[in-house]
Amino acid sequence: MIPLTLLFIIIIGLLWLVVQLLQNFFDTYSNLDENCYASDWKNIREKQRNMIYLEKTNKEVSCTISNRLVELQKLPALQTQEEKPEILIIKLKQLLQSSLNLLK
């Protein structure tokens, strides 16, 4: 009778050990799965933040470019090739006159 009782105690102990190991395995597996989803969620949020930042930067660059284009359109039209040498000669004469005036 005692050997039969010891056999049952050993069997129950081994079954308890198997149950504990299975519980530990499933707990670890579920935590791994949750961490994977949490990591995926963090990656998705980070990508969304990066996209928002890139869109904001893109809008700022577009705004700056459009402002500069508006400023360029406000400038007077460029002079023709014939007028450029005349302007250069006039500016050179003014420079020479101012230099001569400084030398006097």
PDB file of N, CA and C in Angstrom:
ATOM      1  N   MET A   1       0.822  -1.189   0.000  1.00  0.00           N
ATOM      2  CA  MET A   1       0.000   0.000   0.000  1.00  0.00           C
ATOM      3  C   MET A   1       0.870   1.258   0.000  1.00  0.00           C
ATOM      4  N   ILE A   2       1.914   1.245   0.765  1.00  0.00           N
ATOM      5  CA  ILE A   2       2.813   2.400   0.826  1.00  0.00           C
ATOM      6  C   ILE A   2       3.508   2.599  -0.525  1.00  0.00           C
ATOM      7  N   PRO A   3       3.983   1.539  -1.180  1.00  0.00           N
ATOM      8  CA  PRO A   3       4.607   1.782  -2.493  1.00  0.00           C
ATOM      9  C   PRO A   3       3.616   2.341  -3.507  1.00  0.00           C
ATOM     10  N   LEU A   4       2.364   1.931  -3.450  1.00  0.00           N
ATOM     11  CA  LEU A   4       1.347   2.460  -4.348  1.00  0.00           C
ATOM     12  C   LEU A   4       1.086   3.931  -4.056  1.00  0.00           C
ATOM     13  N   THR A   5       1.061   4.321  -2.797  1.00  0.00           N
ATOM     14  CA  THR A   5       0.869   5.716  -2.399  1.00  0.00           C
ATOM     15  C   THR A   5       2.049   6.559  -2.887  1.00  0.00           C
ATOM     16  N   LEU A   6       3.261   6.033  -2.699  1.00  0.00           N
ATOM     17  CA  LEU A   6       4.446   6.768  -3.174  1.00  0.00           C
ATOM     18  C   LEU A   6       4.418   6.926  -4.691  1.00  0.00           C
ATOM     19  N   LEU A   7       3.949   5.907  -5.392  1.00  0.00           N
ATOM     20  CA  LEU A   7       3.841   5.983  -6.853  1.00  0.00           C
ATOM     21  C   LEU A   7       2.859   7.066  -7.252  1.00  0.00           C
ATOM     22  N   PHE A   8       1.700   7.142  -6.595  1.00  0.00           N
ATOM     23  CA  PHE A   8       0.722   8.188  -6.886  1.00  0.00           C
ATOM     24  C   PHE A   8       1.270   9.576  -6.570  1.00  0.00           C
ATOM     25  N   ILE A   9       2.007   9.698  -5.476  1.00  0.00           N
ATOM     26  CA  ILE A   9       2.591  10.993  -5.106  1.00  0.00           C
ATOM     27  C   ILE A   9       3.621  11.422  -6.165  1.00  0.00           C
ATOM     28  N   ILE A  10       4.419  10.478  -6.641  1.00  0.00           N
ATOM     29  CA  ILE A  10       5.413  10.803  -7.676  1.00  0.00           C
ATOM     30  C   ILE A  10       4.715  11.193  -8.970  1.00  0.00           C
ATOM     31  N   ILE A  11       3.663  10.469  -9.353  1.00  0.00           N
ATOM     32  CA  ILE A  11       2.920  10.786 -10.582  1.00  0.00           C
ATOM     33  C   ILE A  11       2.269  12.161 -10.466  1.00  0.00           C
ATOM     34  N   ILE A  12       1.631  12.448  -9.322  1.00  0.00           N
ATOM     35  CA  ILE A  12       0.987  13.751  -9.108  1.00  0.00           C
ATOM     36  C   ILE A  12       2.038  14.850  -9.119  1.00  0.00           C
ATOM     37  N   GLY A  13       3.200  14.636  -8.526  1.00  0.00           N
ATOM     38  CA  GLY A  13       4.279  15.621  -8.528  1.00  0.00           C
ATOM     39  C   GLY A  13       4.795  15.898  -9.931  1.00  0.00           C
ATOM     40  N   LEU A  14       4.941  14.826 -10.727  1.00  0.00           N
ATOM     41  CA  LEU A  14       5.389  15.022 -12.115  1.00  0.00           C
ATOM     42  C   LEU A  14       4.347  15.759 -12.950  1.00  0.00           C
ATOM     43  N   LEU A  15       3.058  15.412 -12.726  1.00  0.00           N
ATOM     44  CA  LEU A  15       1.993  16.140 -13.436  1.00  0.00           C
ATOM     45  C   LEU A  15       1.972  17.619 -13.044  1.00  0.00           C
ATOM     46  N   TRP A  16       2.162  17.889 -11.746  1.00  0.00           N
ATOM     47  CA  TRP A  16       2.205  19.289 -11.276  1.00  0.00           C
ATOM     48  C   TRP A  16       3.379  20.021 -11.935  1.00  0.00           C
ATOM     49  N   LEU A  17       4.527  19.360 -12.062  1.00  0.00           N
ATOM     50  CA  LEU A  17       5.704  19.951 -12.696  1.00  0.00           C
ATOM     51  C   LEU A  17       5.429  20.247 -14.177  1.00  0.00           C
ATOM     52  N   VAL A  18       4.772  19.320 -14.867  1.00  0.00           N
ATOM     53  CA  VAL A  18       4.425  19.539 -16.276  1.00  0.00           C
ATOM     54  C   VAL A  18       3.474  20.722 -16.416  1.00  0.00           C
ATOM     55  N   VAL A  19       2.468  20.796 -15.525  1.00  0.00           N
ATOM     56  CA  VAL A  19       1.506  21.910 -15.564  1.00  0.00           C
ATOM     57  C   VAL A  19       2.221  23.235 -15.331  1.00  0.00           C
ATOM     58  N   GLN A  20       3.139  23.291 -14.372  1.00  0.00           N
ATOM     59  CA  GLN A  20       3.886  24.522 -14.093  1.00  0.00           C
ATOM     60  C   GLN A  20       4.741  24.936 -15.299  1.00  0.00           C
ATOM     61  N   LEU A  21       5.396  23.975 -15.916  1.00  0.00           N
ATOM     62  CA  LEU A  21       6.214  24.281 -17.089  1.00  0.00           C
ATOM     63  C   LEU A  21       5.361  24.783 -18.256  1.00  0.00           C
ATOM     64  N   LEU A  22       4.180  24.159 -18.452  1.00  0.00           N
ATOM     65  CA  LEU A  22       3.286  24.627 -19.521  1.00  0.00           C
ATOM     66  C   LEU A  22       2.766  26.038 -19.238  1.00  0.00           C
ATOM     67  N   GLN A  23       2.413  26.321 -17.978  1.00  0.00           N
ATOM     68  CA  GLN A  23       1.963  27.668 -17.631  1.00  0.00           C
ATOM     69  C   GLN A  23       3.067  28.693 -17.893  1.00  0.00           C
ATOM     70  N   ASN A  24       4.288  28.339 -17.504  1.00  0.00           N
ATOM     71  CA  ASN A  24       5.420  29.240 -17.732  1.00  0.00           C
ATOM     72  C   ASN A  24       5.624  29.462 -19.233  1.00  0.00           C
ATOM     73  N   PHE A  25       5.508  28.398 -20.025  1.00  0.00           N
ATOM     74  CA  PHE A  25       5.673  28.509 -21.467  1.00  0.00           C
ATOM     75  C   PHE A  25       4.619  29.427 -22.063  1.00  0.00           C
ATOM     76  N   PHE A  26       3.334  29.240 -21.692  1.00  0.00           N
ATOM     77  CA  PHE A  26       2.264  30.055 -22.259  1.00  0.00           C
ATOM     78  C   PHE A  26       2.342  31.507 -21.790  1.00  0.00           C
ATOM     79  N   ASP A  27       2.752  31.730 -20.546  1.00  0.00           N
ATOM     80  CA  ASP A  27       2.953  33.103 -20.074  1.00  0.00           C
ATOM     81  C   ASP A  27       4.046  33.796 -20.878  1.00  0.00           C
ATOM     82  N   THR A  28       5.141  33.110 -21.081  1.00  0.00           N
ATOM     83  CA  THR A  28       6.234  33.678 -21.858  1.00  0.00           C
ATOM     84  C   THR A  28       5.805  33.939 -23.297  1.00  0.00           C
ATOM     85  N   TYR A  29       5.066  33.001 -23.877  1.00  0.00           N
ATOM     86  CA  TYR A  29       4.606  33.154 -25.251  1.00  0.00           C
ATOM     87  C   TYR A  29       3.651  34.346 -25.386  1.00  0.00           C
ATOM     88  N   SER A  30       2.737  34.494 -24.446  1.00  0.00           N
ATOM     89  CA  SER A  30       1.789  35.608 -24.523  1.00  0.00           C
ATOM     90  C   SER A  30       2.502  36.945 -24.309  1.00  0.00           C
ATOM     91  N   ASN A  31       3.485  36.997 -23.409  1.00  0.00           N
ATOM     92  CA  ASN A  31       4.248  38.232 -23.211  1.00  0.00           C
ATOM     93  C   ASN A  31       5.063  38.574 -24.446  1.00  0.00           C
ATOM     94  N   LEU A  32       5.603  37.571 -25.095  1.00  0.00           N
ATOM     95  CA  LEU A  32       6.366  37.789 -26.308  1.00  0.00           C
ATOM     96  C   LEU A  32       5.465  38.365 -27.388  1.00  0.00           C
ATOM     97  N   ASP A  33       4.278  37.822 -27.512  1.00  0.00           N
ATOM     98  CA  ASP A  33       3.321  38.297 -28.500  1.00  0.00           C
ATOM     99  C   ASP A  33       2.903  39.735 -28.205  1.00  0.00           C
ATOM    100  N   GLU A  34       2.637  40.061 -26.926  1.00  0.00           N
ATOM    101  CA  GLU A  34       2.272  41.428 -26.544  1.00  0.00           C
ATOM    102  C   GLU A  34       3.408  42.387 -26.823  1.00  0.00           C
ATOM    103  N   ASN A  35       4.645  41.981 -26.516  1.00  0.00           N
ATOM    104  CA  ASN A  35       5.795  42.843 -26.780  1.00  0.00           C
ATOM    105  C   ASN A  35       5.972  43.072 -28.276  1.00  0.00           C
ATOM    106  N   CYS A  36       5.675  42.049 -29.046  1.00  0.00           N
ATOM    107  CA  CYS A  36       5.776  42.189 -30.500  1.00  0.00           C
ATOM    108  C   CYS A  36       4.759  43.204 -30.991  1.00  0.00           C
ATOM    109  N   TYR A  37       3.520  43.123 -30.507  1.00  0.00           N
ATOM    110  CA  TYR A  37       2.501  44.092 -30.905  1.00  0.00           C
ATOM    111  C   TYR A  37       2.848  45.483 -30.389  1.00  0.00           C
ATOM    112  N   ALA A  38       3.360  45.574 -29.182  1.00  0.00           N
ATOM    113  CA  ALA A  38       3.750  46.876 -28.638  1.00  0.00           C
ATOM    114  C   ALA A  38       4.882  47.470 -29.458  1.00  0.00           C
ATOM    115  N   SER A  39       5.829  46.632 -29.851  1.00  0.00           N
ATOM    116  CA  SER A  39       6.939  47.097 -30.673  1.00  0.00           C
ATOM    117  C   SER A  39       6.425  47.551 -32.035  1.00  0.00           C
ATOM    118  N   ASP A  40       5.505  46.787 -32.617  1.00  0.00           N
ATOM    119  CA  ASP A  40       4.921  47.187 -33.896  1.00  0.00           C
ATOM    120  C   ASP A  40       4.178  48.510 -33.748  1.00  0.00           C
ATOM    121  N   TRP A  41       3.441  48.670 -32.674  1.00  0.00           N
ATOM    122  CA  TRP A  41       2.704  49.905 -32.434  1.00  0.00           C
ATOM    123  C   TRP A  41       3.667  51.078 -32.302  1.00  0.00           C
ATOM    124  N   LYS A  42       4.775  50.869 -31.576  1.00  0.00           N
ATOM    125  CA  LYS A  42       5.768  51.940 -31.431  1.00  0.00           C
ATOM    126  C   LYS A  42       6.378  52.293 -32.779  1.00  0.00           C
ATOM    127  N   ASN A  43       6.674  51.293 -33.587  1.00  0.00           N
ATOM    128  CA  ASN A  43       7.240  51.555 -34.908  1.00  0.00           C
ATOM    129  C   ASN A  43       6.262  52.313 -35.793  1.00  0.00           C
ATOM    130  N   ILE A  44       5.003  51.939 -35.732  1.00  0.00           N
ATOM    131  CA  ILE A  44       3.991  52.626 -36.530  1.00  0.00           C
ATOM    132  C   ILE A  44       3.866  54.077 -36.087  1.00  0.00           C
ATOM    133  N   ARG A  45       3.821  54.314 -34.769  1.00  0.00           N
ATOM    134  CA  ARG A  45       3.724  55.688 -34.263  1.00  0.00           C
ATOM    135  C   ARG A  45       4.956  56.508 -34.655  1.00  0.00           C
ATOM    136  N   GLU A  46       6.115  55.883 -34.582  1.00  0.00           N
ATOM    137  CA  GLU A  46       7.346  56.596 -34.951  1.00  0.00           C
ATOM    138  C   GLU A  46       7.325  56.962 -36.440  1.00  0.00           C
ATOM    139  N   LYS A  47       6.857  56.043 -37.274  1.00  0.00           N
ATOM    140  CA  LYS A  47       6.757  56.335 -38.701  1.00  0.00           C
ATOM    141  C   LYS A  47       5.755  57.446 -38.963  1.00  0.00           C
ATOM    142  N   GLN A  48       4.640  57.442 -38.217  1.00  0.00           N
ATOM    143  CA  GLN A  48       3.653  58.502 -38.380  1.00  0.00           C
ATOM    144  C   GLN A  48       4.233  59.847 -37.971  1.00  0.00           C
ATOM    145  N   ARG A  49       4.976  59.867 -36.865  1.00  0.00           N
ATOM    146  CA  ARG A  49       5.604  61.119 -36.430  1.00  0.00           C
ATOM    147  C   ARG A  49       6.609  61.615 -37.464  1.00  0.00           C
ATOM    148  N   ASN A  50       7.383  60.690 -38.026  1.00  0.00           N
ATOM    149  CA  ASN A  50       8.344  61.071 -39.059  1.00  0.00           C
ATOM    150  C   ASN A  50       7.636  61.619 -40.288  1.00  0.00           C
ATOM    151  N   MET A  51       6.521  60.993 -40.670  1.00  0.00           N
ATOM    152  CA  MET A  51       5.769  61.471 -41.826  1.00  0.00           C
ATOM    153  C   MET A  51       5.206  62.867 -41.563  1.00  0.00           C
ATOM    154  N   ILE A  52       4.695  63.094 -40.356  1.00  0.00           N
ATOM    155  CA  ILE A  52       4.163  64.414 -40.014  1.00  0.00           C
ATOM    156  C   ILE A  52       5.284  65.455 -40.062  1.00  0.00           C
ATOM    157  N   TYR A  53       6.447  65.099 -39.524  1.00  0.00           N
ATOM    158  CA  TYR A  53       7.584  66.018 -39.547  1.00  0.00           C
ATOM    159  C   TYR A  53       8.021  66.311 -40.985  1.00  0.00           C
ATOM    160  N   LEU A  54       8.063  65.275 -41.821  1.00  0.00           N
ATOM    161  CA  LEU A  54       8.464  65.474 -43.213  1.00  0.00           C
ATOM    162  C   LEU A  54       7.450  66.318 -43.970  1.00  0.00           C
ATOM    163  N   GLU A  55       6.170  66.109 -43.708  1.00  0.00           N
ATOM    164  CA  GLU A  55       5.139  66.918 -44.353  1.00  0.00           C
ATOM    165  C   GLU A  55       5.261  68.378 -43.931  1.00  0.00           C
ATOM    166  N   LYS A  56       5.505  68.599 -42.643  1.00  0.00           N
ATOM    167  CA  LYS A  56       5.663  69.962 -42.136  1.00  0.00           C
ATOM    168  C   LYS A  56       6.878  70.633 -42.779  1.00  0.00           C
ATOM    169  N   THR A  57       7.980  69.899 -42.849  1.00  0.00           N
ATOM    170  CA  THR A  57       9.184  70.440 -43.469  1.00  0.00           C
ATOM    171  C   THR A  57       8.948  70.709 -44.952  1.00  0.00           C
ATOM    172  N   ASN A  58       8.247  69.806 -45.606  1.00  0.00           N
ATOM    173  CA  ASN A  58       7.942  69.979 -47.022  1.00  0.00           C
ATOM    174  C   ASN A  58       7.085  71.229 -47.242  1.00  0.00           C
ATOM    175  N   LYS A  59       6.108  71.458 -46.372  1.00  0.00           N
ATOM    176  CA  LYS A  59       5.272  72.652 -46.483  1.00  0.00           C
ATOM    177  C   LYS A  59       6.094  73.916 -46.273  1.00  0.00           C
ATOM    178  N   GLU A  60       7.020  73.891 -45.293  1.00  0.00           N
ATOM    179  CA  GLU A  60       7.869  75.054 -45.054  1.00  0.00           C
ATOM    180  C   GLU A  60       8.746  75.358 -46.257  1.00  0.00           C
ATOM    181  N   VAL A  61       9.321  74.320 -46.849  1.00  0.00           N
ATOM    182  CA  VAL A  61      10.176  74.512 -48.024  1.00  0.00           C
ATOM    183  C   VAL A  61       9.348  75.036 -49.191  1.00  0.00           C
ATOM    184  N   SER A  62       8.176  74.481 -49.399  1.00  0.00           N
ATOM    185  CA  SER A  62       7.306  74.935 -50.484  1.00  0.00           C
ATOM    186  C   SER A  62       6.899  76.386 -50.276  1.00  0.00           C
ATOM    187  N   CYS A  63       6.596  76.741 -49.043  1.00  0.00           N
ATOM    188  CA  CYS A  63       6.217  78.123 -48.734  1.00  0.00           C
ATOM    189  C   CYS A  63       7.379  79.065 -49.008  1.00  0.00           C
ATOM    190  N   THR A  64       8.580  78.680 -48.591  1.00  0.00           N
ATOM    191  CA  THR A  64       9.759  79.514 -48.823  1.00  0.00           C
ATOM    192  C   THR A  64      10.024  79.680 -50.313  1.00  0.00           C
ATOM    193  N   ILE A  65       9.910  78.600 -51.062  1.00  0.00           N
ATOM    194  CA  ILE A  65      10.136  78.670 -52.510  1.00  0.00           C
ATOM    195  C   ILE A  65       9.090  79.565 -53.168  1.00  0.00           C
ATOM    196  N   SER A  66       7.838  79.413 -52.787  1.00  0.00           N
ATOM    197  CA  SER A  66       6.793  80.242 -53.396  1.00  0.00           C
ATOM    198  C   SER A  66       6.981  81.712 -53.035  1.00  0.00           C
ATOM    199  N   ASN A  67       7.410  82.002 -51.792  1.00  0.00           N
ATOM    200  CA  ASN A  67       7.673  83.394 -51.415  1.00  0.00           C
ATOM    201  C   ASN A  67       8.811  83.977 -52.239  1.00  0.00           C
ATOM    202  N   ARG A  68       9.845  83.209 -52.438  1.00  0.00           N
ATOM    203  CA  ARG A  68      10.979  83.692 -53.242  1.00  0.00           C
ATOM    204  C   ARG A  68      10.569  83.900 -54.694  1.00  0.00           C
ATOM    205  N   LEU A  69       9.717  83.008 -55.208  1.00  0.00           N
ATOM    206  CA  LEU A  69       9.242  83.191 -56.579  1.00  0.00           C
ATOM    207  C   LEU A  69       8.410  84.462 -56.713  1.00  0.00           C
ATOM    208  N   VAL A  70       7.600  84.741 -55.716  1.00  0.00           N
ATOM    209  CA  VAL A  70       6.808  85.972 -55.736  1.00  0.00           C
ATOM    210  C   VAL A  70       7.730  87.187 -55.710  1.00  0.00           C
ATOM    211  N   GLU A  71       8.773  87.137 -54.876  1.00  0.00           N
ATOM    212  CA  GLU A  71       9.737  88.240 -54.823  1.00  0.00           C
ATOM    213  C   GLU A  71      10.438  88.410 -56.160  1.00  0.00           C
ATOM    214  N   LEU A  72      10.787  87.306 -56.814  1.00  0.00           N
ATOM    215  CA  LEU A  72      11.437  87.401 -58.118  1.00  0.00           C
ATOM    216  C   LEU A  72      10.506  87.992 -59.168  1.00  0.00           C
ATOM    217  N   GLN A  73       9.235  87.687 -59.071  1.00  0.00           N
ATOM    218  CA  GLN A  73       8.286  88.232 -60.036  1.00  0.00           C
ATOM    219  C   GLN A  73       8.079  89.725 -59.825  1.00  0.00           C
ATOM    220  N   LYS A  74       8.264  90.194 -58.590  1.00  0.00           N
ATOM    221  CA  LYS A  74       8.108  91.618 -58.305  1.00  0.00           C
ATOM    222  C   LYS A  74       9.278  92.440 -58.826  1.00  0.00           C
ATOM    223  N   LEU A  75      10.427  91.817 -59.042  1.00  0.00           N
ATOM    224  CA  LEU A  75      11.594  92.531 -59.551  1.00  0.00           C
ATOM    225  C   LEU A  75      11.327  93.018 -60.962  1.00  0.00           C
ATOM    226  N   PRO A  76      11.947  94.153 -61.336  1.00  0.00           N
ATOM    227  CA  PRO A  76      11.731  94.634 -62.704  1.00  0.00           C
ATOM    228  C   PRO A  76      12.334  93.646 -63.712  1.00  0.00           C
ATOM    229  N   ALA A  77      11.800  93.694 -64.890  1.00  0.00           N
ATOM    230  CA  ALA A  77      12.268  92.770 -65.924  1.00  0.00           C
ATOM    231  C   ALA A  77      13.735  93.039 -66.222  1.00  0.00           C
ATOM    232  N   LEU A  78      14.447  91.996 -66.548  1.00  0.00           N
ATOM    233  CA  LEU A  78      15.864  92.149 -66.860  1.00  0.00           C
ATOM    234  C   LEU A  78      16.039  92.967 -68.131  1.00  0.00           C
ATOM    235  N   GLN A  79      17.116  93.723 -68.145  1.00  0.00           N
ATOM    236  CA  GLN A  79      17.363  94.580 -69.300  1.00  0.00           C
ATOM    237  C   GLN A  79      17.902  93.733 -70.446  1.00  0.00           C
ATOM    238  N   THR A  80      17.715  94.259 -71.631  1.00  0.00           N
ATOM    239  CA  THR A  80      18.161  93.515 -72.806  1.00  0.00           C
ATOM    240  C   THR A  80      19.675  93.555 -72.915  1.00  0.00           C
ATOM    241  N   GLN A  81      20.206  92.776 -73.798  1.00  0.00           N
ATOM    242  CA  GLN A  81      21.654  92.689 -73.979  1.00  0.00           C
ATOM    243  C   GLN A  81      22.237  94.015 -74.455  1.00  0.00           C
ATOM    244  N   GLU A  82      21.488  94.786 -75.226  1.00  0.00           N
ATOM    245  CA  GLU A  82      21.993  96.061 -75.740  1.00  0.00           C
ATOM    246  C   GLU A  82      22.170  97.078 -74.624  1.00  0.00           C
ATOM    247  N   GLU A  83      21.332  97.057 -73.637  1.00  0.00           N
ATOM    248  CA  GLU A  83      21.401  98.033 -72.558  1.00  0.00           C
ATOM    249  C   GLU A  83      22.489  97.698 -71.548  1.00  0.00           C
ATOM    250  N   LYS A  84      22.863  96.449 -71.432  1.00  0.00           N
ATOM    251  CA  LYS A  84      23.857  96.043 -70.432  1.00  0.00           C
ATOM    252  C   LYS A  84      25.203  96.720 -70.646  1.00  0.00           C
ATOM    253  N   PRO A  85      25.762  96.762 -71.860  1.00  0.00           N
ATOM    254  CA  PRO A  85      27.045  97.457 -72.022  1.00  0.00           C
ATOM    255  C   PRO A  85      26.940  98.947 -71.702  1.00  0.00           C
ATOM    256  N   GLU A  86      25.808  99.543 -72.038  1.00  0.00           N
ATOM    257  CA  GLU A  86      25.633 100.964 -71.741  1.00  0.00           C
ATOM    258  C   GLU A  86      25.633 101.206 -70.233  1.00  0.00           C
ATOM    259  N   ILE A  87      24.952 100.349 -69.521  1.00  0.00           N
ATOM    260  CA  ILE A  87      24.908 100.492 -68.066  1.00  0.00           C
ATOM    261  C   ILE A  87      26.287 100.272 -67.488  1.00  0.00           C
ATOM    262  N   LEU A  88      27.012  99.317 -68.024  1.00  0.00           N
ATOM    263  CA  LEU A  88      28.375  99.040 -67.559  1.00  0.00           C
ATOM    264  C   LEU A  88      29.274 100.253 -67.805  1.00  0.00           C
ATOM    265  N   ILE A  89      29.129 100.856 -68.966  1.00  0.00           N
ATOM    266  CA  ILE A  89      29.940 102.044 -69.271  1.00  0.00           C
ATOM    267  C   ILE A  89      29.580 103.186 -68.336  1.00  0.00           C
ATOM    268  N   ILE A  90      28.309 103.381 -68.079  1.00  0.00           N
ATOM    269  CA  ILE A  90      27.873 104.456 -67.178  1.00  0.00           C
ATOM    270  C   ILE A  90      28.410 104.218 -65.776  1.00  0.00           C
ATOM    271  N   LYS A  91      28.305 102.999 -65.302  1.00  0.00           N
ATOM    272  CA  LYS A  91      28.803 102.675 -63.954  1.00  0.00           C
ATOM    273  C   LYS A  91      30.329 102.863 -63.893  1.00  0.00           C
ATOM    274  N   LEU A  92      31.030 102.481 -64.946  1.00  0.00           N
ATOM    275  CA  LEU A  92      32.485 102.643 -64.982  1.00  0.00           C
ATOM    276  C   LEU A  92      32.865 104.119 -64.956  1.00  0.00           C
ATOM    277  N   LYS A  93      32.133 104.938 -65.711  1.00  0.00           N
ATOM    278  CA  LYS A  93      32.390 106.392 -65.705  1.00  0.00           C
ATOM    279  C   LYS A  93      32.163 106.971 -64.314  1.00  0.00           C
ATOM    280  N   GLN A  94      31.081 106.539 -63.667  1.00  0.00           N
ATOM    281  CA  GLN A  94      30.812 107.037 -62.315  1.00  0.00           C
ATOM    282  C   GLN A  94      31.926 106.623 -61.357  1.00  0.00           C
ATOM    283  N   LEU A  95      32.401 105.418 -61.496  1.00  0.00           N
ATOM    284  CA  LEU A  95      33.474 104.939 -60.649  1.00  0.00           C
ATOM    285  C   LEU A  95      34.752 105.739 -60.880  1.00  0.00           C
ATOM    286  N   LEU A  96      35.073 105.991 -62.125  1.00  0.00           N
ATOM    287  CA  LEU A  96      36.279 106.759 -62.429  1.00  0.00           C
ATOM    288  C   LEU A  96      36.164 108.205 -61.924  1.00  0.00           C
ATOM    289  N   GLN A  97      34.995 108.767 -62.092  1.00  0.00           N
ATOM    290  CA  GLN A  97      34.801 110.138 -61.606  1.00  0.00           C
ATOM    291  C   GLN A  97      34.916 110.204 -60.085  1.00  0.00           C
ATOM    292  N   SER A  98      34.325 109.235 -59.408  1.00  0.00           N
ATOM    293  CA  SER A  98      34.415 109.256 -57.942  1.00  0.00           C
ATOM    294  C   SER A  98      35.860 109.015 -57.504  1.00  0.00           C
ATOM    295  N   SER A  99      36.586 108.176 -58.223  1.00  0.00           N
ATOM    296  CA  SER A  99      38.000 107.960 -57.898  1.00  0.00           C
ATOM    297  C   SER A  99      38.831 109.208 -58.121  1.00  0.00           C
ATOM    298  N   LEU A 100      38.547 109.888 -59.225  1.00  0.00           N
ATOM    299  CA  LEU A 100      39.269 111.158 -59.497  1.00  0.00           C
ATOM    300  C   LEU A 100      38.951 112.209 -58.458  1.00  0.00           C
ATOM    301  N   ASN A 101      37.699 112.246 -58.049  1.00  0.00           N
ATOM    302  CA  ASN A 101      37.318 113.222 -57.028  1.00  0.00           C
ATOM    303  C   ASN A 101      38.021 112.917 -55.700  1.00  0.00           C
ATOM    304  N   LEU A 102      38.234 111.670 -55.423  1.00  0.00           N
ATOM    305  CA  LEU A 102      38.934 111.308 -54.201  1.00  0.00           C
ATOM    306  C   LEU A 102      40.423 111.677 -54.292  1.00  0.00           C
ATOM    307  N   LEU A 103      40.993 111.603 -55.485  1.00  0.00           N
ATOM    308  CA  LEU A 103      42.394 111.912 -55.663  1.00  0.00           C
ATOM    309  C   LEU A 103      42.652 113.433 -55.609  1.00  0.00           C
ATOM    310  N   LYS A 104      41.668 114.223 -55.914  1.00  0.00           N
ATOM    311  CA  LYS A 104      41.831 115.692 -55.908  1.00  0.00           C
ATOM    312  C   LYS A 104      41.994 116.209 -54.533  1.00  0.00           C
TER     313      LYS A 104
END
